[in-house]
PDB file of N, CA and C in Angstrom:
ATOM      1  N   MET A   1      31.968  -7.774  32.782  1.00  0.00           N
ATOM      2  CA  MET A   1      30.519  -7.861  32.631  1.00  0.00           C
ATOM      3  C   MET A   1      29.999  -6.803  31.665  1.00  0.00           C
ATOM      4  N   PHE A   2      30.457  -5.566  31.871  1.00  0.00           N
ATOM      5  CA  PHE A   2      30.016  -4.463  31.017  1.00  0.00           C
ATOM      6  C   PHE A   2      30.443  -4.673  29.571  1.00  0.00           C
ATOM      7  N   ASN A   3      31.606  -5.275  29.366  1.00  0.00           N
ATOM      8  CA  ASN A   3      32.114  -5.508  28.016  1.00  0.00           C
ATOM      9  C   ASN A   3      31.275  -6.533  27.256  1.00  0.00           C
ATOM     10  N   ILE A   4      30.567  -7.389  27.949  1.00  0.00           N
ATOM     11  CA  ILE A   4      29.729  -8.401  27.300  1.00  0.00           C
ATOM     12  C   ILE A   4      28.320  -7.867  27.040  1.00  0.00           C
ATOM     13  N   VAL A   5      27.773  -7.148  28.006  1.00  0.00           N
ATOM     14  CA  VAL A   5      26.376  -6.705  27.928  1.00  0.00           C
ATOM     15  C   VAL A   5      26.196  -5.568  26.927  1.00  0.00           C
ATOM     16  N   MET A   6      27.123  -4.642  26.883  1.00  0.00           N
ATOM     17  CA  MET A   6      26.956  -3.448  26.046  1.00  0.00           C
ATOM     18  C   MET A   6      26.823  -3.775  24.552  1.00  0.00           C
ATOM     19  N   PRO A   7      27.674  -4.594  23.951  1.00  0.00           N
ATOM     20  CA  PRO A   7      27.492  -4.906  22.525  1.00  0.00           C
ATOM     21  C   PRO A   7      26.162  -5.614  22.242  1.00  0.00           C
ATOM     22  N   ILE A   8      25.726  -6.475  23.151  1.00  0.00           N
ATOM     23  CA  ILE A   8      24.445  -7.165  22.964  1.00  0.00           C
ATOM     24  C   ILE A   8      23.304  -6.157  23.004  1.00  0.00           C
ATOM     25  N   PHE A   9      23.361  -5.231  23.953  1.00  0.00           N
ATOM     26  CA  PHE A   9      22.336  -4.203  24.086  1.00  0.00           C
ATOM     27  C   PHE A   9      22.284  -3.327  22.837  1.00  0.00           C
ATOM     28  N   VAL A  10      23.433  -2.898  22.353  1.00  0.00           N
ATOM     29  CA  VAL A  10      23.500  -2.050  21.159  1.00  0.00           C
ATOM     30  C   VAL A  10      22.983  -2.807  19.940  1.00  0.00           C
ATOM     31  N   SER A  11      23.357  -4.063  19.805  1.00  0.00           N
ATOM     32  CA  SER A  11      22.895  -4.837  18.649  1.00  0.00           C
ATOM     33  C   SER A  11      21.381  -5.058  18.714  1.00  0.00           C
ATOM     34  N   CYS A  12      20.832  -5.238  19.907  1.00  0.00           N
ATOM     35  CA  CYS A  12      19.375  -5.375  20.036  1.00  0.00           C
ATOM     36  C   CYS A  12      18.669  -4.094  19.608  1.00  0.00           C
ATOM     37  N   ILE A  13      19.216  -2.953  19.986  1.00  0.00           N
ATOM     38  CA  ILE A  13      18.627  -1.670  19.582  1.00  0.00           C
ATOM     39  C   ILE A  13      18.694  -1.516  18.067  1.00  0.00           C
ATOM     40  N   LEU A  14      19.826  -1.853  17.469  1.00  0.00           N
ATOM     41  CA  LEU A  14      19.963  -1.739  16.014  1.00  0.00           C
ATOM     42  C   LEU A  14      18.995  -2.676  15.282  1.00  0.00           C
ATOM     43  N   VAL A  15      18.835  -3.884  15.787  1.00  0.00           N
ATOM     44  CA  VAL A  15      17.893  -4.830  15.181  1.00  0.00           C
ATOM     45  C   VAL A  15      16.467  -4.304  15.299  1.00  0.00           C
ATOM     46  N   ALA A  16      16.132  -3.692  16.434  1.00  0.00           N
ATOM     47  CA  ALA A  16      14.792  -3.127  16.610  1.00  0.00           C
ATOM     48  C   ALA A  16      14.548  -1.983  15.631  1.00  0.00           C
ATOM     49  N   ILE A  17      15.543  -1.123  15.441  1.00  0.00           N
ATOM     50  CA  ILE A  17      15.413  -0.020  14.477  1.00  0.00           C
ATOM     51  C   ILE A  17      15.247  -0.575  13.069  1.00  0.00           C
ATOM     52  N   LEU A  18      16.013  -1.575  12.725  1.00  0.00           N
ATOM     53  CA  LEU A  18      15.900  -2.203  11.409  1.00  0.00           C
ATOM     54  C   LEU A  18      14.522  -2.828  11.216  1.00  0.00           C
ATOM     55  N   ALA A  19      14.004  -3.480  12.244  1.00  0.00           N
ATOM     56  CA  ALA A  19      12.683  -4.109  12.153  1.00  0.00           C
ATOM     57  C   ALA A  19      11.599  -3.064  11.937  1.00  0.00           C
ATOM     58  N   VAL A  20      11.703  -1.939  12.616  1.00  0.00           N
ATOM     59  CA  VAL A  20      10.723  -0.861  12.428  1.00  0.00           C
ATOM     60  C   VAL A  20      10.808  -0.327  11.000  1.00  0.00           C
ATOM     61  N   GLY A  21      12.006  -0.165  10.483  1.00  0.00           N
ATOM     62  CA  GLY A  21      12.175   0.316   9.109  1.00  0.00           C
ATOM     63  C   GLY A  21      11.590  -0.646   8.090  1.00  0.00           C
ATOM     64  N   VAL A  22      11.829  -1.928   8.264  1.00  0.00           N
ATOM     65  CA  VAL A  22      11.287  -2.939   7.345  1.00  0.00           C
ATOM     66  C   VAL A  22       9.767  -2.973   7.432  1.00  0.00           C
ATOM     67  N   ALA A  23       9.237  -2.892   8.645  1.00  0.00           N
ATOM     68  CA  ALA A  23       7.779  -2.891   8.812  1.00  0.00           C
ATOM     69  C   ALA A  23       7.164  -1.671   8.137  1.00  0.00           C
ATOM     70  N   PHE A  24       7.794  -0.516   8.274  1.00  0.00           N
ATOM     71  CA  PHE A  24       7.279   0.690   7.626  1.00  0.00           C
ATOM     72  C   PHE A  24       7.319   0.554   6.108  1.00  0.00           C
ATOM     73  N   ALA A  25       8.388  -0.020   5.578  1.00  0.00           N
ATOM     74  CA  ALA A  25       8.495  -0.192   4.125  1.00  0.00           C
ATOM     75  C   ALA A  25       7.393  -1.118   3.607  1.00  0.00           C
ATOM     76  N   PHE A  26       7.141  -2.219   4.303  1.00  0.00           N
ATOM     77  CA  PHE A  26       6.069  -3.123   3.881  1.00  0.00           C
ATOM     78  C   PHE A  26       4.709  -2.451   3.979  1.00  0.00           C
ATOM     79  N   PHE A  27       4.485  -1.700   5.051  1.00  0.00           N
ATOM     80  CA  PHE A  27       3.208  -0.997   5.218  1.00  0.00           C
ATOM     81  C   PHE A  27       3.007   0.022   4.108  1.00  0.00           C
ATOM     82  N   ARG A  28       4.063   0.752   3.765  1.00  0.00           N
ATOM     83  CA  ARG A  28       3.965   1.766   2.701  1.00  0.00           C
ATOM     84  C   ARG A  28       3.683   1.097   1.354  1.00  0.00           C
ATOM     85  N   ALA A  29       4.352   0.000   1.074  1.00  0.00           N
ATOM     86  CA  ALA A  29       4.110  -0.718  -0.182  1.00  0.00           C
ATOM     87  C   ALA A  29       2.677  -1.235  -0.230  1.00  0.00           C
ATOM     88  N   TYR A  30       2.178  -1.725   0.889  1.00  0.00           N
ATOM     89  CA  TYR A  30       0.803  -2.234   0.953  1.00  0.00           C
ATOM     90  C   TYR A  30      -0.205  -1.116   0.714  1.00  0.00           C
ATOM     91  N   THR A  31      -0.010   0.038   1.354  1.00  0.00           N
ATOM     92  CA  THR A  31      -0.964   1.133   1.176  1.00  0.00           C
ATOM     93  C   THR A  31      -0.920   1.674  -0.249  1.00  0.00           C
ATOM     94  N   LEU A  32       0.265   1.739  -0.845  1.00  0.00           N
ATOM     95  CA  LEU A  32       0.352   2.201  -2.233  1.00  0.00           C
ATOM     96  C   LEU A  32      -0.353   1.233  -3.176  1.00  0.00           C
ATOM     97  N   ALA A  33      -0.194  -0.061  -2.933  1.00  0.00           N
ATOM     98  CA  ALA A  33      -0.863  -1.059  -3.775  1.00  0.00           C
ATOM     99  C   ALA A  33      -2.378  -0.951  -3.629  1.00  0.00           C
ATOM    100  N   LYS A  34      -2.863  -0.761  -2.415  1.00  0.00           N
ATOM    101  CA  LYS A  34      -4.300  -0.619  -2.194  1.00  0.00           C
ATOM    102  C   LYS A  34      -4.826   0.633  -2.880  1.00  0.00           C
ATOM    103  N   GLU A  35      -4.055   1.720  -2.800  1.00  0.00           N
ATOM    104  CA  GLU A  35      -4.463   2.974  -3.430  1.00  0.00           C
ATOM    105  C   GLU A  35      -4.545   2.804  -4.946  1.00  0.00           C
ATOM    106  N   ARG A  36      -3.560   2.141  -5.519  1.00  0.00           N
ATOM    107  CA  ARG A  36      -3.543   1.911  -6.964  1.00  0.00           C
ATOM    108  C   ARG A  36      -4.727   1.033  -7.369  1.00  0.00           C
ATOM    109  N   GLU A  37      -5.001   0.014  -6.564  1.00  0.00           N
ATOM    110  CA  GLU A  37      -6.120  -0.886  -6.840  1.00  0.00           C
ATOM    111  C   GLU A  37      -7.443  -0.122  -6.794  1.00  0.00           C
ATOM    112  N   THR A  38      -7.591   0.777  -5.834  1.00  0.00           N
ATOM    113  CA  THR A  38      -8.809   1.581  -5.711  1.00  0.00           C
ATOM    114  C   THR A  38      -8.967   2.496  -6.916  1.00  0.00           C
ATOM    115  N   GLU A  39      -7.867   3.115  -7.355  1.00  0.00           N
ATOM    116  CA  GLU A  39      -7.929   3.993  -8.525  1.00  0.00           C
ATOM    117  C   GLU A  39      -8.356   3.209  -9.765  1.00  0.00           C
ATOM    118  N   GLU A  40      -7.805   2.016  -9.951  1.00  0.00           N
ATOM    119  CA  GLU A  40      -8.176   1.204 -11.109  1.00  0.00           C
ATOM    120  C   GLU A  40      -9.643   0.797 -11.038  1.00  0.00           C
ATOM    121  N   PHE A  41     -10.123   0.465  -9.840  1.00  0.00           N
ATOM    122  CA  PHE A  41     -11.523   0.092  -9.678  1.00  0.00           C
ATOM    123  C   PHE A  41     -12.428   1.270 -10.014  1.00  0.00           C
ATOM    124  N   GLU A  42     -12.082   2.470  -9.524  1.00  0.00           N
ATOM    125  CA  GLU A  42     -12.889   3.655  -9.817  1.00  0.00           C
ATOM    126  C   GLU A  42     -12.875   3.962 -11.311  1.00  0.00           C
ATOM    127  N   LYS A  43     -11.733   3.769 -11.956  1.00  0.00           N
ATOM    128  CA  LYS A  43     -11.639   4.022 -13.394  1.00  0.00           C
ATOM    129  C   LYS A  43     -12.538   3.054 -14.165  1.00  0.00           C
ATOM    130  N   ARG A  44     -12.503   1.767 -13.788  1.00  0.00           N
ATOM    131  CA  ARG A  44     -13.369   0.784 -14.449  1.00  0.00           C
ATOM    132  C   ARG A  44     -14.837   1.101 -14.225  1.00  0.00           C
ATOM    133  N   LEU A  45     -15.174   1.523 -13.011  1.00  0.00           N
ATOM    134  CA  LEU A  45     -16.555   1.870 -12.693  1.00  0.00           C
ATOM    135  C   LEU A  45     -17.009   3.061 -13.532  1.00  0.00           C
ATOM    136  N   PHE A  46     -16.153   4.065 -13.669  1.00  0.00           N
ATOM    137  CA  PHE A  46     -16.478   5.238 -14.475  1.00  0.00           C
ATOM    138  C   PHE A  46     -16.677   4.841 -15.933  1.00  0.00           C
ATOM    139  N   MET A  47     -15.788   3.996 -16.464  1.00  0.00           N
ATOM    140  CA  MET A  47     -15.915   3.560 -17.857  1.00  0.00           C
ATOM    141  C   MET A  47     -17.202   2.769 -18.048  1.00  0.00           C
ATOM    142  N   ARG A  48     -17.555   1.965 -17.075  1.00  0.00           N
ATOM    143  CA  ARG A  48     -18.787   1.181 -17.167  1.00  0.00           C
ATOM    144  C   ARG A  48     -20.012   2.093 -17.174  1.00  0.00           C
ATOM    145  N   GLU A  49     -20.026   3.101 -16.296  1.00  0.00           N
ATOM    146  CA  GLU A  49     -21.146   4.046 -16.272  1.00  0.00           C
ATOM    147  C   GLU A  49     -21.248   4.792 -17.591  1.00  0.00           C
ATOM    148  N   ARG A  50     -20.104   5.170 -18.147  1.00  0.00           N
ATOM    149  CA  ARG A  50     -20.105   5.872 -19.435  1.00  0.00           C
ATOM    150  C   ARG A  50     -20.658   4.971 -20.534  1.00  0.00           C
ATOM    151  N   HIS A  51     -20.273   3.704 -20.486  1.00  0.00           N
ATOM    152  CA  HIS A  51     -20.765   2.752 -21.485  1.00  0.00           C
ATOM    153  C   HIS A  51     -22.283   2.593 -21.368  1.00  0.00           C
ATOM    154  N   ILE A  52     -22.783   2.498 -20.142  1.00  0.00           N
ATOM    155  CA  ILE A  52     -24.232   2.351 -19.938  1.00  0.00           C
ATOM    156  C   ILE A  52     -24.964   3.580 -20.462  1.00  0.00           C
ATOM    157  N   LYS A  53     -24.410   4.773 -20.239  1.00  0.00           N
ATOM    158  CA  LYS A  53     -25.036   5.996 -20.760  1.00  0.00           C
ATOM    159  C   LYS A  53     -25.088   5.958 -22.283  1.00  0.00           C
ATOM    160  N   ARG A  54     -24.009   5.524 -22.912  1.00  0.00           N
ATOM    161  CA  ARG A  54     -23.987   5.446 -24.383  1.00  0.00           C
ATOM    162  C   ARG A  54     -25.036   4.467 -24.895  1.00  0.00           C
ATOM    163  N   VAL A  55     -25.154   3.322 -24.242  1.00  0.00           N
ATOM    164  CA  VAL A  55     -26.136   2.321 -24.666  1.00  0.00           C
ATOM    165  C   VAL A  55     -27.544   2.888 -24.542  1.00  0.00           C
ATOM    166  N   LYS A  56     -27.822   3.581 -23.455  1.00  0.00           N
ATOM    167  CA  LYS A  56     -29.151   4.177 -23.271  1.00  0.00           C
ATOM    168  C   LYS A  56     -29.431   5.229 -24.330  1.00  0.00           C
ATOM    169  N   GLU A  57     -28.420   6.034 -24.676  1.00  0.00           N
ATOM    170  CA  GLU A  57     -28.599   7.044 -25.720  1.00  0.00           C
ATOM    171  C   GLU A  57     -28.856   6.385 -27.068  1.00  0.00           C
ATOM    172  N   MET A  58     -28.176   5.286 -27.347  1.00  0.00           N
ATOM    173  CA  MET A  58     -28.390   4.581 -28.615  1.00  0.00           C
ATOM    174  C   MET A  58     -29.796   3.987 -28.667  1.00  0.00           C
ATOM    175  N   GLU A  59     -30.306   3.530 -27.538  1.00  0.00           N
ATOM    176  CA  GLU A  59     -31.655   2.966 -27.505  1.00  0.00           C
ATOM    177  C   GLU A  59     -32.702   4.040 -27.763  1.00  0.00           C
ATOM    178  N   ARG A  60     -32.458   5.255 -27.305  1.00  0.00           N
ATOM    179  CA  ARG A  60     -33.404   6.352 -27.516  1.00  0.00           C
ATOM    180  C   ARG A  60     -33.486   6.729 -28.984  1.00  0.00           C
ATOM    181  N   LYS A  61     -32.374   6.638 -29.691  1.00  0.00           N
ATOM    182  CA  LYS A  61     -32.342   7.063 -31.099  1.00  0.00           C
ATOM    183  C   LYS A  61     -32.912   6.049 -32.025  1.00  0.00           C
TER     184      LYS A  61
END
């Protein structure tokens, strides 16, 4: 009985550890992608504000 149950138990633990590792990798990739997307959005917003300032300065002149 012990010879049958022990390998199954160990393999279940290993599969659980692997699943946690894969889930962490996907979560990390997702957060990095979101962070990169936010940085690009902020950069575009900054460039847009700079462009609007330039247009306003040109209108004054």
